[in-house]
Amino acid sequence: MLYGERRNIGRHFRRYGALYLMLILPMSVLILFHYVPMYGVQIAFRNYRITRSIADSAWVGLKHFSKFFDYYNFGPIVRNTLIVNLYSLLTFPLSLALALLLAYVPFRRFAKLVQTVSYAPHFISMVVLCSMVIQFTNARTGMINSFLALFGIPPANYMAQKDAYYSIYVWSGVWQDLGYSSIIYIAALSGISPELHEAAIVDGAGILRRAWHIDVPGVMPTFCVLLIMRCGSLLNVGFEKALLLQNSLNMSVSEVISTYSYNIGLNSATPQYSYASAIGLFTSVINLILLCLVNGVARRVSGSSLW
């Protein structure tokens, strides 16, 4: 029995050995850059100083977590983070809508042109994107104010308006990533059997009915998986964009967890590494809990989940 098992294992490796060799590099990168650095998580529970090693730093337990929870601006920072992410979550189905529209465009050259144009903003760097947003919304020379002036609307400094910040942040992101995010849905739509559409056409179904009863159910597993992953990062907002669009007039709505952590951890005269690590660990734990909850709900409701 033991000899037979060994022979089966040897046959298995001879057959799939090349695939296992290809797996070595990504697994090495995953272990090296994701699992090995987890040793540093204990910084959040220590009073770490850069002149000392992690092990030599004093253990302080949950002191830094309590400091963050007691911070006078804790509520507004978490609220701003959730508003930005939930607002962005409302625009999540737009990439699916774009993929459906492109799938039914009768002129394929036009569809490819739209795809190329919509993909292009994704490759603009974040610094350039934020510079464009600031220039477009400039009260004196901005393109948006110049356009609105044609209709008699007086100019305004939109980057200084608290009510406008969330929309500027979210919709500039939609413009940048809408086309690129639709790629995976276009790939999923290409996997739907053409026979289903042919049968629907024979039965007299129009474009809307075909899209609703064939395409949407066909890509729904992909949509659910991407939605679960998106919900698993509700407390994560990339600090680059928030920091670049931040100014003294919109600080009350633009300060999020990531920018606060960056400022106290790296952008201050006396960096507080342990405090910043505690904030990062807090957001990671909350995101993990949300990921598990949303995954469980999706599995019960739609049958599609990450695990």
C-alpha atoms as a PDB file:
ATOM      1  CA  MET A   1       0.000   0.000   0.000  1.00  0.00           C
ATOM      2  CA  LEU A   2       2.803   2.340   0.950  1.00  0.00           C
ATOM      3  CA  TYR A   3       4.709   1.498  -2.217  1.00  0.00           C
ATOM      4  CA  GLY A   4       1.602   2.168  -4.298  1.00  0.00           C
ATOM      5  CA  GLU A   5       1.092   5.547  -2.677  1.00  0.00           C
ATOM      6  CA  ARG A   6       4.703   6.522  -3.346  1.00  0.00           C
ATOM      7  CA  ARG A   7       4.378   5.459  -6.960  1.00  0.00           C
ATOM      8  CA  ASN A   8       1.202   7.524  -7.344  1.00  0.00           C
ATOM      9  CA  ILE A   9       2.909  10.572  -5.803  1.00  0.00           C
ATOM     10  CA  GLY A  10       5.908  10.118  -8.109  1.00  0.00           C
ATOM     11  CA  ARG A  11       3.601   9.817 -11.135  1.00  0.00           C
ATOM     12  CA  HIS A  12       1.749  12.933 -10.001  1.00  0.00           C
ATOM     13  CA  PHE A  13       4.949  14.999  -9.726  1.00  0.00           C
ATOM     14  CA  ARG A  14       6.239  13.746 -13.072  1.00  0.00           C
ATOM     15  CA  ARG A  15       2.981  14.858 -14.661  1.00  0.00           C
ATOM     16  CA  TYR A  16       2.573  18.220 -12.896  1.00  0.00           C
ATOM     17  CA  GLY A  17       6.185  18.948 -11.912  1.00  0.00           C
ATOM     18  CA  ALA A  18       6.481  21.924 -14.274  1.00  0.00           C
ATOM     19  CA  LEU A  19       3.440  23.555 -12.690  1.00  0.00           C
ATOM     20  CA  TYR A  20       4.904  23.132  -9.211  1.00  0.00           C
ATOM     21  CA  LEU A  21       8.154  24.725 -10.394  1.00  0.00           C
ATOM     22  CA  MET A  22       6.200  27.684 -11.724  1.00  0.00           C
ATOM     23  CA  LEU A  23       4.501  27.957  -8.333  1.00  0.00           C
ATOM     24  CA  ILE A  24       7.798  28.336  -6.459  1.00  0.00           C
ATOM     25  CA  LEU A  25       8.394  31.979  -7.438  1.00  0.00           C
ATOM     26  CA  PRO A  26       4.946  33.426  -6.549  1.00  0.00           C
ATOM     27  CA  MET A  27       4.846  31.403  -3.316  1.00  0.00           C
ATOM     28  CA  SER A  28       8.313  32.679  -2.405  1.00  0.00           C
ATOM     29  CA  VAL A  29       7.227  36.264  -3.027  1.00  0.00           C
ATOM     30  CA  LEU A  30       4.063  35.712  -0.985  1.00  0.00           C
ATOM     31  CA  ILE A  31       5.956  34.251   1.950  1.00  0.00           C
ATOM     32  CA  LEU A  32       8.792  36.785   1.809  1.00  0.00           C
ATOM     33  CA  PHE A  33       6.698  39.939   1.513  1.00  0.00           C
ATOM     34  CA  HIS A  34       3.468  38.954   3.289  1.00  0.00           C
ATOM     35  CA  TYR A  35       4.177  36.346   5.947  1.00  0.00           C
ATOM     36  CA  VAL A  36       7.717  37.147   7.063  1.00  0.00           C
ATOM     37  CA  PRO A  37       6.854  40.825   7.777  1.00  0.00           C
ATOM     38  CA  MET A  38       4.103  39.627  10.138  1.00  0.00           C
ATOM     39  CA  TYR A  39       6.872  39.304  12.713  1.00  0.00           C
ATOM     40  CA  GLY A  40       6.761  43.099  12.915  1.00  0.00           C
ATOM     41  CA  VAL A  41       3.108  43.130  13.985  1.00  0.00           C
ATOM     42  CA  GLN A  42       4.302  43.060  17.578  1.00  0.00           C
ATOM     43  CA  ILE A  43       5.518  46.654  17.115  1.00  0.00           C
ATOM     44  CA  ALA A  44       1.895  47.668  17.729  1.00  0.00           C
ATOM     45  CA  PHE A  45       2.169  46.175  21.230  1.00  0.00           C
ATOM     46  CA  ARG A  46       5.580  47.607  22.067  1.00  0.00           C
ATOM     47  CA  ASN A  47       7.073  51.048  22.600  1.00  0.00           C
ATOM     48  CA  TYR A  48       9.296  50.713  19.546  1.00  0.00           C
ATOM     49  CA  ARG A  49      12.243  53.015  18.921  1.00  0.00           C
ATOM     50  CA  ILE A  50      14.289  52.927  15.754  1.00  0.00           C
ATOM     51  CA  THR A  51      17.495  52.804  17.805  1.00  0.00           C
ATOM     52  CA  ARG A  52      16.406  49.505  19.362  1.00  0.00           C
ATOM     53  CA  SER A  53      15.413  46.168  17.954  1.00  0.00           C
ATOM     54  CA  ILE A  54      11.827  45.001  18.125  1.00  0.00           C
ATOM     55  CA  ALA A  55      12.579  42.435  20.808  1.00  0.00           C
ATOM     56  CA  ASP A  56      14.389  44.996  22.984  1.00  0.00           C
ATOM     57  CA  SER A  57      11.503  47.492  22.914  1.00  0.00           C
ATOM     58  CA  ALA A  58       9.282  47.658  25.987  1.00  0.00           C
ATOM     59  CA  TRP A  59       6.008  45.740  25.883  1.00  0.00           C
ATOM     60  CA  VAL A  60       3.033  48.090  26.435  1.00  0.00           C
ATOM     61  CA  GLY A  61       0.105  45.867  25.455  1.00  0.00           C
ATOM     62  CA  LEU A  62      -2.962  47.691  24.170  1.00  0.00           C
ATOM     63  CA  LYS A  63      -1.733  51.165  25.094  1.00  0.00           C
ATOM     64  CA  HIS A  64      -1.509  52.421  21.508  1.00  0.00           C
ATOM     65  CA  PHE A  65      -4.944  51.040  20.612  1.00  0.00           C
ATOM     66  CA  SER A  66      -6.471  52.830  23.598  1.00  0.00           C
ATOM     67  CA  LYS A  67      -4.694  56.011  22.573  1.00  0.00           C
ATOM     68  CA  PHE A  68      -6.266  55.809  19.111  1.00  0.00           C
ATOM     69  CA  PHE A  69      -9.751  55.083  20.470  1.00  0.00           C
ATOM     70  CA  ASP A  70      -9.452  58.001  22.904  1.00  0.00           C
ATOM     71  CA  TYR A  71      -8.200  60.392  20.224  1.00  0.00           C
ATOM     72  CA  TYR A  72     -10.587  63.347  20.019  1.00  0.00           C
ATOM     73  CA  ASN A  73     -10.801  63.075  16.225  1.00  0.00           C
ATOM     74  CA  PHE A  74     -11.310  59.281  16.155  1.00  0.00           C
ATOM     75  CA  GLY A  75     -15.011  59.482  15.232  1.00  0.00           C
ATOM     76  CA  PRO A  76     -14.642  61.966  12.335  1.00  0.00           C
ATOM     77  CA  ILE A  77     -11.658  60.078  10.889  1.00  0.00           C
ATOM     78  CA  VAL A  78     -13.509  56.749  10.857  1.00  0.00           C
ATOM     79  CA  ARG A  79     -16.641  58.466   9.523  1.00  0.00           C
ATOM     80  CA  ASN A  80     -14.719  60.078   6.653  1.00  0.00           C
ATOM     81  CA  THR A  81     -13.113  56.734   5.787  1.00  0.00           C
ATOM     82  CA  LEU A  82     -16.468  54.944   5.721  1.00  0.00           C
ATOM     83  CA  ILE A  83     -18.189  57.685   3.713  1.00  0.00           C
ATOM     84  CA  VAL A  84     -15.521  57.635   1.011  1.00  0.00           C
ATOM     85  CA  ASN A  85     -15.563  53.829   0.765  1.00  0.00           C
ATOM     86  CA  LEU A  86     -19.344  53.449   0.881  1.00  0.00           C
ATOM     87  CA  TYR A  87     -19.740  56.206  -1.704  1.00  0.00           C
ATOM     88  CA  SER A  88     -17.205  54.403  -3.904  1.00  0.00           C
ATOM     89  CA  LEU A  89     -19.080  51.146  -3.311  1.00  0.00           C
ATOM     90  CA  LEU A  90     -22.226  52.682  -4.826  1.00  0.00           C
ATOM     91  CA  THR A  91     -20.316  53.209  -8.084  1.00  0.00           C
ATOM     92  CA  PHE A  92     -19.028  49.621  -8.097  1.00  0.00           C
ATOM     93  CA  PRO A  93     -21.684  48.290 -10.589  1.00  0.00           C
ATOM     94  CA  LEU A  94     -20.752  50.939 -13.186  1.00  0.00           C
ATOM     95  CA  SER A  95     -17.901  48.832 -14.559  1.00  0.00           C
ATOM     96  CA  LEU A  96     -20.350  45.960 -15.102  1.00  0.00           C
ATOM     97  CA  ALA A  97     -22.737  48.346 -16.862  1.00  0.00           C
ATOM     98  CA  LEU A  98     -19.927  49.527 -19.153  1.00  0.00           C
ATOM     99  CA  ALA A  99     -18.998  45.939 -20.002  1.00  0.00           C
ATOM    100  CA  LEU A 100     -22.629  45.153 -20.890  1.00  0.00           C
ATOM    101  CA  LEU A 101     -22.904  48.248 -23.067  1.00  0.00           C
ATOM    102  CA  LEU A 102     -19.710  47.384 -24.934  1.00  0.00           C
ATOM    103  CA  ALA A 103     -20.912  43.803 -25.446  1.00  0.00           C
ATOM    104  CA  TYR A 104     -23.971  45.006 -27.375  1.00  0.00           C
ATOM    105  CA  VAL A 105     -22.327  47.723 -29.476  1.00  0.00           C
ATOM    106  CA  PRO A 106     -22.901  46.670 -33.100  1.00  0.00           C
ATOM    107  CA  PHE A 107     -19.794  48.462 -34.396  1.00  0.00           C
ATOM    108  CA  ARG A 108     -16.823  46.562 -33.031  1.00  0.00           C
ATOM    109  CA  ARG A 109     -14.280  49.210 -34.054  1.00  0.00           C
ATOM    110  CA  PHE A 110     -16.197  51.798 -32.066  1.00  0.00           C
ATOM    111  CA  ALA A 111     -16.337  49.439 -29.081  1.00  0.00           C
ATOM    112  CA  LYS A 112     -12.570  48.922 -29.233  1.00  0.00           C
ATOM    113  CA  LEU A 113     -12.046  52.679 -29.446  1.00  0.00           C
ATOM    114  CA  VAL A 114     -14.208  53.208 -26.345  1.00  0.00           C
ATOM    115  CA  GLN A 115     -12.310  50.471 -24.533  1.00  0.00           C
ATOM    116  CA  THR A 116      -8.956  52.042 -25.347  1.00  0.00           C
ATOM    117  CA  VAL A 117     -10.079  55.527 -24.330  1.00  0.00           C
ATOM    118  CA  SER A 118     -11.617  54.268 -21.071  1.00  0.00           C
ATOM    119  CA  TYR A 119      -8.532  52.199 -20.190  1.00  0.00           C
ATOM    120  CA  ALA A 120      -6.078  55.084 -20.690  1.00  0.00           C
ATOM    121  CA  PRO A 121      -6.794  57.061 -17.461  1.00  0.00           C
ATOM    122  CA  HIS A 122      -5.869  54.027 -15.358  1.00  0.00           C
ATOM    123  CA  PHE A 123      -2.225  54.466 -16.357  1.00  0.00           C
ATOM    124  CA  ILE A 124      -2.069  58.094 -15.227  1.00  0.00           C
ATOM    125  CA  SER A 125      -0.064  58.406 -12.026  1.00  0.00           C
ATOM    126  CA  MET A 126      -1.896  59.474  -8.889  1.00  0.00           C
ATOM    127  CA  VAL A 127       0.169  62.654  -8.607  1.00  0.00           C
ATOM    128  CA  VAL A 128      -0.750  63.700 -12.139  1.00  0.00           C
ATOM    129  CA  LEU A 129      -4.412  62.813 -11.601  1.00  0.00           C
ATOM    130  CA  CYS A 130      -4.674  64.895  -8.426  1.00  0.00           C
ATOM    131  CA  SER A 131      -2.870  67.786 -10.134  1.00  0.00           C
ATOM    132  CA  MET A 132      -5.417  67.625 -12.956  1.00  0.00           C
ATOM    133  CA  VAL A 133      -8.305  67.619 -10.472  1.00  0.00           C
ATOM    134  CA  ILE A 134      -6.901  70.645  -8.648  1.00  0.00           C
ATOM    135  CA  GLN A 135      -6.363  72.506 -11.920  1.00  0.00           C
ATOM    136  CA  PHE A 136      -9.815  71.662 -13.295  1.00  0.00           C
ATOM    137  CA  THR A 137     -11.521  72.871 -10.104  1.00  0.00           C
ATOM    138  CA  ASN A 138      -9.458  76.041  -9.786  1.00  0.00           C
ATOM    139  CA  ALA A 139     -11.721  79.001  -8.988  1.00  0.00           C
ATOM    140  CA  ARG A 140     -10.057  81.349 -11.505  1.00  0.00           C
ATOM    141  CA  THR A 141      -8.666  79.306 -14.368  1.00  0.00           C
ATOM    142  CA  GLY A 142     -10.309  75.899 -13.870  1.00  0.00           C
ATOM    143  CA  MET A 143     -12.036  74.247 -16.818  1.00  0.00           C
ATOM    144  CA  ILE A 144     -15.116  73.390 -14.750  1.00  0.00           C
ATOM    145  CA  ASN A 145     -15.675  76.981 -13.618  1.00  0.00           C
ATOM    146  CA  SER A 146     -15.031  78.266 -17.140  1.00  0.00           C
ATOM    147  CA  PHE A 147     -17.679  75.898 -18.483  1.00  0.00           C
ATOM    148  CA  LEU A 148     -20.227  76.768 -15.787  1.00  0.00           C
ATOM    149  CA  ALA A 149     -19.626  80.484 -16.415  1.00  0.00           C
ATOM    150  CA  LEU A 150     -21.194  80.017 -19.855  1.00  0.00           C
ATOM    151  CA  PHE A 151     -24.487  79.340 -18.046  1.00  0.00           C
ATOM    152  CA  GLY A 152     -24.124  82.245 -15.651  1.00  0.00           C
ATOM    153  CA  ILE A 153     -23.006  80.131 -12.694  1.00  0.00           C
ATOM    154  CA  PRO A 154     -20.460  82.044 -10.566  1.00  0.00           C
ATOM    155  CA  PRO A 155     -17.038  80.437 -10.009  1.00  0.00           C
ATOM    156  CA  ALA A 156     -16.337  78.536  -6.804  1.00  0.00           C
ATOM    157  CA  ASN A 157     -13.368  76.895  -5.142  1.00  0.00           C
ATOM    158  CA  TYR A 158     -14.704  73.349  -5.080  1.00  0.00           C
ATOM    159  CA  MET A 159     -11.637  71.911  -3.376  1.00  0.00           C
ATOM    160  CA  ALA A 160     -12.409  74.132  -0.402  1.00  0.00           C
ATOM    161  CA  GLN A 161     -16.049  73.036  -0.177  1.00  0.00           C
ATOM    162  CA  LYS A 162     -16.581  70.201   2.263  1.00  0.00           C
ATOM    163  CA  ASP A 163     -19.747  69.005   0.528  1.00  0.00           C
ATOM    164  CA  ALA A 164     -17.955  68.685  -2.810  1.00  0.00           C
ATOM    165  CA  TYR A 165     -14.866  66.818  -1.606  1.00  0.00           C
ATOM    166  CA  TYR A 166     -16.410  63.340  -1.455  1.00  0.00           C
ATOM    167  CA  SER A 167     -17.876  63.617  -4.962  1.00  0.00           C
ATOM    168  CA  ILE A 168     -14.605  64.930  -6.389  1.00  0.00           C
ATOM    169  CA  TYR A 169     -12.667  62.101  -4.751  1.00  0.00           C
ATOM    170  CA  VAL A 170     -15.032  59.322  -5.824  1.00  0.00           C
ATOM    171  CA  TRP A 171     -15.898  60.409  -9.362  1.00  0.00           C
ATOM    172  CA  SER A 172     -12.299  61.195 -10.279  1.00  0.00           C
ATOM    173  CA  GLY A 173     -11.577  57.604  -9.231  1.00  0.00           C
ATOM    174  CA  VAL A 174     -14.469  56.349 -11.355  1.00  0.00           C
ATOM    175  CA  TRP A 175     -13.073  58.211 -14.368  1.00  0.00           C
ATOM    176  CA  GLN A 176      -9.641  56.711 -13.785  1.00  0.00           C
ATOM    177  CA  ASP A 177     -10.585  53.076 -13.128  1.00  0.00           C
ATOM    178  CA  LEU A 178     -13.960  52.494 -14.800  1.00  0.00           C
ATOM    179  CA  GLY A 179     -12.615  51.122 -18.072  1.00  0.00           C
ATOM    180  CA  TYR A 180      -9.846  49.063 -16.517  1.00  0.00           C
ATOM    181  CA  SER A 181     -12.219  47.535 -13.950  1.00  0.00           C
ATOM    182  CA  SER A 182     -14.567  46.415 -16.716  1.00  0.00           C
ATOM    183  CA  ILE A 183     -11.949  44.085 -18.242  1.00  0.00           C
ATOM    184  CA  ILE A 184     -12.771  41.208 -15.917  1.00  0.00           C
ATOM    185  CA  TYR A 185     -16.497  41.522 -16.704  1.00  0.00           C
ATOM    186  CA  ILE A 186     -15.784  41.591 -20.435  1.00  0.00           C
ATOM    187  CA  ALA A 187     -13.807  38.376 -19.983  1.00  0.00           C
ATOM    188  CA  ALA A 188     -16.677  36.840 -17.979  1.00  0.00           C
ATOM    189  CA  LEU A 189     -19.208  37.836 -20.645  1.00  0.00           C
ATOM    190  CA  SER A 190     -17.092  36.195 -23.339  1.00  0.00           C
ATOM    191  CA  GLY A 191     -17.444  32.911 -21.457  1.00  0.00           C
ATOM    192  CA  ILE A 192     -21.243  32.868 -21.743  1.00  0.00           C
ATOM    193  CA  SER A 193     -22.457  30.396 -24.332  1.00  0.00           C
ATOM    194  CA  PRO A 194     -23.671  32.084 -27.570  1.00  0.00           C
ATOM    195  CA  GLU A 195     -26.342  29.387 -27.821  1.00  0.00           C
ATOM    196  CA  LEU A 196     -28.213  31.006 -24.948  1.00  0.00           C
ATOM    197  CA  HIS A 197     -28.413  34.274 -26.853  1.00  0.00           C
ATOM    198  CA  GLU A 198     -29.407  32.498 -30.051  1.00  0.00           C
ATOM    199  CA  ALA A 199     -32.234  30.700 -28.259  1.00  0.00           C
ATOM    200  CA  ALA A 200     -33.361  33.961 -26.642  1.00  0.00           C
ATOM    201  CA  ILE A 201     -33.407  35.736 -30.028  1.00  0.00           C
ATOM    202  CA  VAL A 202     -35.492  32.938 -31.504  1.00  0.00           C
ATOM    203  CA  ASP A 203     -37.950  33.361 -28.618  1.00  0.00           C
ATOM    204  CA  GLY A 204     -38.190  37.070 -29.419  1.00  0.00           C
ATOM    205  CA  ALA A 205     -36.140  38.445 -26.506  1.00  0.00           C
ATOM    206  CA  GLY A 206     -34.734  41.934 -26.974  1.00  0.00           C
ATOM    207  CA  ILE A 207     -31.376  43.301 -25.877  1.00  0.00           C
ATOM    208  CA  LEU A 208     -32.574  44.327 -22.420  1.00  0.00           C
ATOM    209  CA  ARG A 209     -34.110  40.939 -21.668  1.00  0.00           C
ATOM    210  CA  ARG A 210     -31.039  39.100 -22.936  1.00  0.00           C
ATOM    211  CA  ALA A 211     -28.771  41.255 -20.811  1.00  0.00           C
ATOM    212  CA  TRP A 212     -30.938  40.851 -17.701  1.00  0.00           C
ATOM    213  CA  HIS A 213     -31.732  37.127 -17.974  1.00  0.00           C
ATOM    214  CA  ILE A 214     -28.519  35.797 -19.579  1.00  0.00           C
ATOM    215  CA  ASP A 215     -25.561  38.144 -19.118  1.00  0.00           C
ATOM    216  CA  VAL A 216     -26.225  39.388 -15.590  1.00  0.00           C
ATOM    217  CA  PRO A 217     -26.720  35.875 -14.113  1.00  0.00           C
ATOM    218  CA  GLY A 218     -23.666  34.706 -16.064  1.00  0.00           C
ATOM    219  CA  VAL A 219     -21.340  37.285 -14.517  1.00  0.00           C
ATOM    220  CA  MET A 220     -22.988  37.379 -11.100  1.00  0.00           C
ATOM    221  CA  PRO A 221     -20.472  34.949  -9.484  1.00  0.00           C
ATOM    222  CA  THR A 222     -17.620  37.188 -10.653  1.00  0.00           C
ATOM    223  CA  PHE A 223     -19.479  40.273  -9.449  1.00  0.00           C
ATOM    224  CA  CYS A 224     -20.081  38.737  -6.022  1.00  0.00           C
ATOM    225  CA  VAL A 225     -16.443  37.747  -5.554  1.00  0.00           C
ATOM    226  CA  LEU A 226     -15.218  41.229  -6.499  1.00  0.00           C
ATOM    227  CA  LEU A 227     -17.839  42.825  -4.250  1.00  0.00           C
ATOM    228  CA  ILE A 228     -16.748  40.657  -1.317  1.00  0.00           C
ATOM    229  CA  MET A 229     -13.137  41.689  -1.834  1.00  0.00           C
ATOM    230  CA  ARG A 230     -14.175  45.333  -2.066  1.00  0.00           C
ATOM    231  CA  CYS A 231     -16.169  45.113   1.172  1.00  0.00           C
ATOM    232  CA  GLY A 232     -13.129  43.567   2.823  1.00  0.00           C
ATOM    233  CA  SER A 233     -11.287  46.888   2.502  1.00  0.00           C
ATOM    234  CA  LEU A 234     -13.925  49.315   3.756  1.00  0.00           C
ATOM    235  CA  LEU A 235     -11.490  50.895   6.203  1.00  0.00           C
ATOM    236  CA  ASN A 236      -8.695  51.175   3.653  1.00  0.00           C
ATOM    237  CA  VAL A 237      -8.364  54.369   1.664  1.00  0.00           C
ATOM    238  CA  GLY A 238      -5.113  54.895  -0.218  1.00  0.00           C
ATOM    239  CA  PHE A 239      -3.376  57.752   1.530  1.00  0.00           C
ATOM    240  CA  GLU A 240      -1.757  59.094  -1.672  1.00  0.00           C
ATOM    241  CA  LYS A 241      -4.904  60.488  -3.261  1.00  0.00           C
ATOM    242  CA  ALA A 242      -6.460  61.681  -0.005  1.00  0.00           C
ATOM    243  CA  LEU A 243      -3.198  63.368   0.970  1.00  0.00           C
ATOM    244  CA  LEU A 244      -2.707  65.047  -2.413  1.00  0.00           C
ATOM    245  CA  LEU A 245      -6.271  66.420  -2.483  1.00  0.00           C
ATOM    246  CA  GLN A 246      -6.067  67.528   1.136  1.00  0.00           C
ATOM    247  CA  ASN A 247      -5.788  71.175   2.129  1.00  0.00           C
ATOM    248  CA  SER A 248      -6.420  73.247   5.228  1.00  0.00           C
ATOM    249  CA  LEU A 249      -9.976  74.098   4.139  1.00  0.00           C
ATOM    250  CA  ASN A 250     -11.223  70.543   3.569  1.00  0.00           C
ATOM    251  CA  MET A 251      -9.194  68.867   6.321  1.00  0.00           C
ATOM    252  CA  SER A 252     -12.289  68.024   8.369  1.00  0.00           C
ATOM    253  CA  VAL A 253     -13.624  65.752   5.591  1.00  0.00           C
ATOM    254  CA  SER A 254     -10.399  64.664   3.861  1.00  0.00           C
ATOM    255  CA  GLU A 255      -8.594  63.287   6.918  1.00  0.00           C
ATOM    256  CA  VAL A 256      -8.981  59.496   6.846  1.00  0.00           C
ATOM    257  CA  ILE A 257      -7.355  56.677   8.797  1.00  0.00           C
ATOM    258  CA  SER A 258      -4.565  56.124   6.269  1.00  0.00           C
ATOM    259  CA  THR A 259      -3.536  59.800   6.083  1.00  0.00           C
ATOM    260  CA  TYR A 260      -3.602  60.128   9.865  1.00  0.00           C
ATOM    261  CA  SER A 261      -1.485  56.990  10.232  1.00  0.00           C
ATOM    262  CA  TYR A 262       0.957  58.246   7.589  1.00  0.00           C
ATOM    263  CA  ASN A 263       1.303  61.666   9.210  1.00  0.00           C
ATOM    264  CA  ILE A 264       2.036  60.360  12.697  1.00  0.00           C
ATOM    265  CA  GLY A 265       4.155  57.439  11.527  1.00  0.00           C
ATOM    266  CA  LEU A 266       6.353  58.987   8.859  1.00  0.00           C
ATOM    267  CA  ASN A 267       5.522  62.642   8.319  1.00  0.00           C
ATOM    268  CA  SER A 268       6.146  64.082  11.770  1.00  0.00           C
ATOM    269  CA  ALA A 269       9.162  65.411  13.641  1.00  0.00           C
ATOM    270  CA  THR A 270       8.917  62.555  16.145  1.00  0.00           C
ATOM    271  CA  PRO A 271       7.583  59.501  14.264  1.00  0.00           C
ATOM    272  CA  GLN A 272       5.368  57.236  16.364  1.00  0.00           C
ATOM    273  CA  TYR A 273       5.968  53.874  14.713  1.00  0.00           C
ATOM    274  CA  SER A 274       4.150  51.791  17.306  1.00  0.00           C
ATOM    275  CA  TYR A 275       1.107  54.040  17.292  1.00  0.00           C
ATOM    276  CA  ALA A 276       0.898  53.959  13.486  1.00  0.00           C
ATOM    277  CA  SER A 277       1.346  50.163  13.506  1.00  0.00           C
ATOM    278  CA  ALA A 278      -1.493  49.811  16.010  1.00  0.00           C
ATOM    279  CA  ILE A 279      -3.784  51.846  13.739  1.00  0.00           C
ATOM    280  CA  GLY A 280      -2.834  49.690  10.753  1.00  0.00           C
ATOM    281  CA  LEU A 281      -3.440  46.490  12.713  1.00  0.00           C
ATOM    282  CA  PHE A 282      -6.818  47.804  13.882  1.00  0.00           C
ATOM    283  CA  THR A 283      -7.966  48.497  10.314  1.00  0.00           C
ATOM    284  CA  SER A 284      -6.694  45.087   9.137  1.00  0.00           C
ATOM    285  CA  VAL A 285      -8.613  43.225  11.843  1.00  0.00           C
ATOM    286  CA  ILE A 286     -11.835  45.137  11.125  1.00  0.00           C
ATOM    287  CA  ASN A 287     -11.432  44.516   7.388  1.00  0.00           C
ATOM    288  CA  LEU A 288     -10.918  40.789   8.034  1.00  0.00           C
ATOM    289  CA  ILE A 289     -14.096  40.653  10.120  1.00  0.00           C
ATOM    290  CA  LEU A 290     -16.057  42.492   7.424  1.00  0.00           C
ATOM    291  CA  LEU A 291     -14.652  40.174   4.767  1.00  0.00           C
ATOM    292  CA  CYS A 292     -15.795  37.085   6.681  1.00  0.00           C
ATOM    293  CA  LEU A 293     -19.249  38.544   7.341  1.00  0.00           C
ATOM    294  CA  VAL A 294     -19.862  39.612   3.740  1.00  0.00           C
ATOM    295  CA  ASN A 295     -18.500  36.312   2.443  1.00  0.00           C
ATOM    296  CA  GLY A 296     -20.923  34.396   4.673  1.00  0.00           C
ATOM    297  CA  VAL A 297     -23.892  36.537   3.605  1.00  0.00           C
ATOM    298  CA  ALA A 298     -22.983  36.180  -0.091  1.00  0.00           C
ATOM    299  CA  ARG A 299     -22.651  32.408   0.251  1.00  0.00           C
ATOM    300  CA  ARG A 300     -26.118  32.150   1.802  1.00  0.00           C
ATOM    301  CA  VAL A 301     -27.825  34.579  -0.577  1.00  0.00           C
ATOM    302  CA  SER A 302     -26.216  33.874  -3.944  1.00  0.00           C
ATOM    303  CA  GLY A 303     -24.139  30.735  -3.448  1.00  0.00           C
ATOM    304  CA  SER A 304     -21.013  32.561  -4.635  1.00  0.00           C
ATOM    305  CA  SER A 305     -18.200  33.236  -2.177  1.00  0.00           C
ATOM    306  CA  LEU A 306     -14.432  33.275  -1.751  1.00  0.00           C
ATOM    307  CA  TRP A 307     -14.523  30.109   0.387  1.00  0.00           C
END
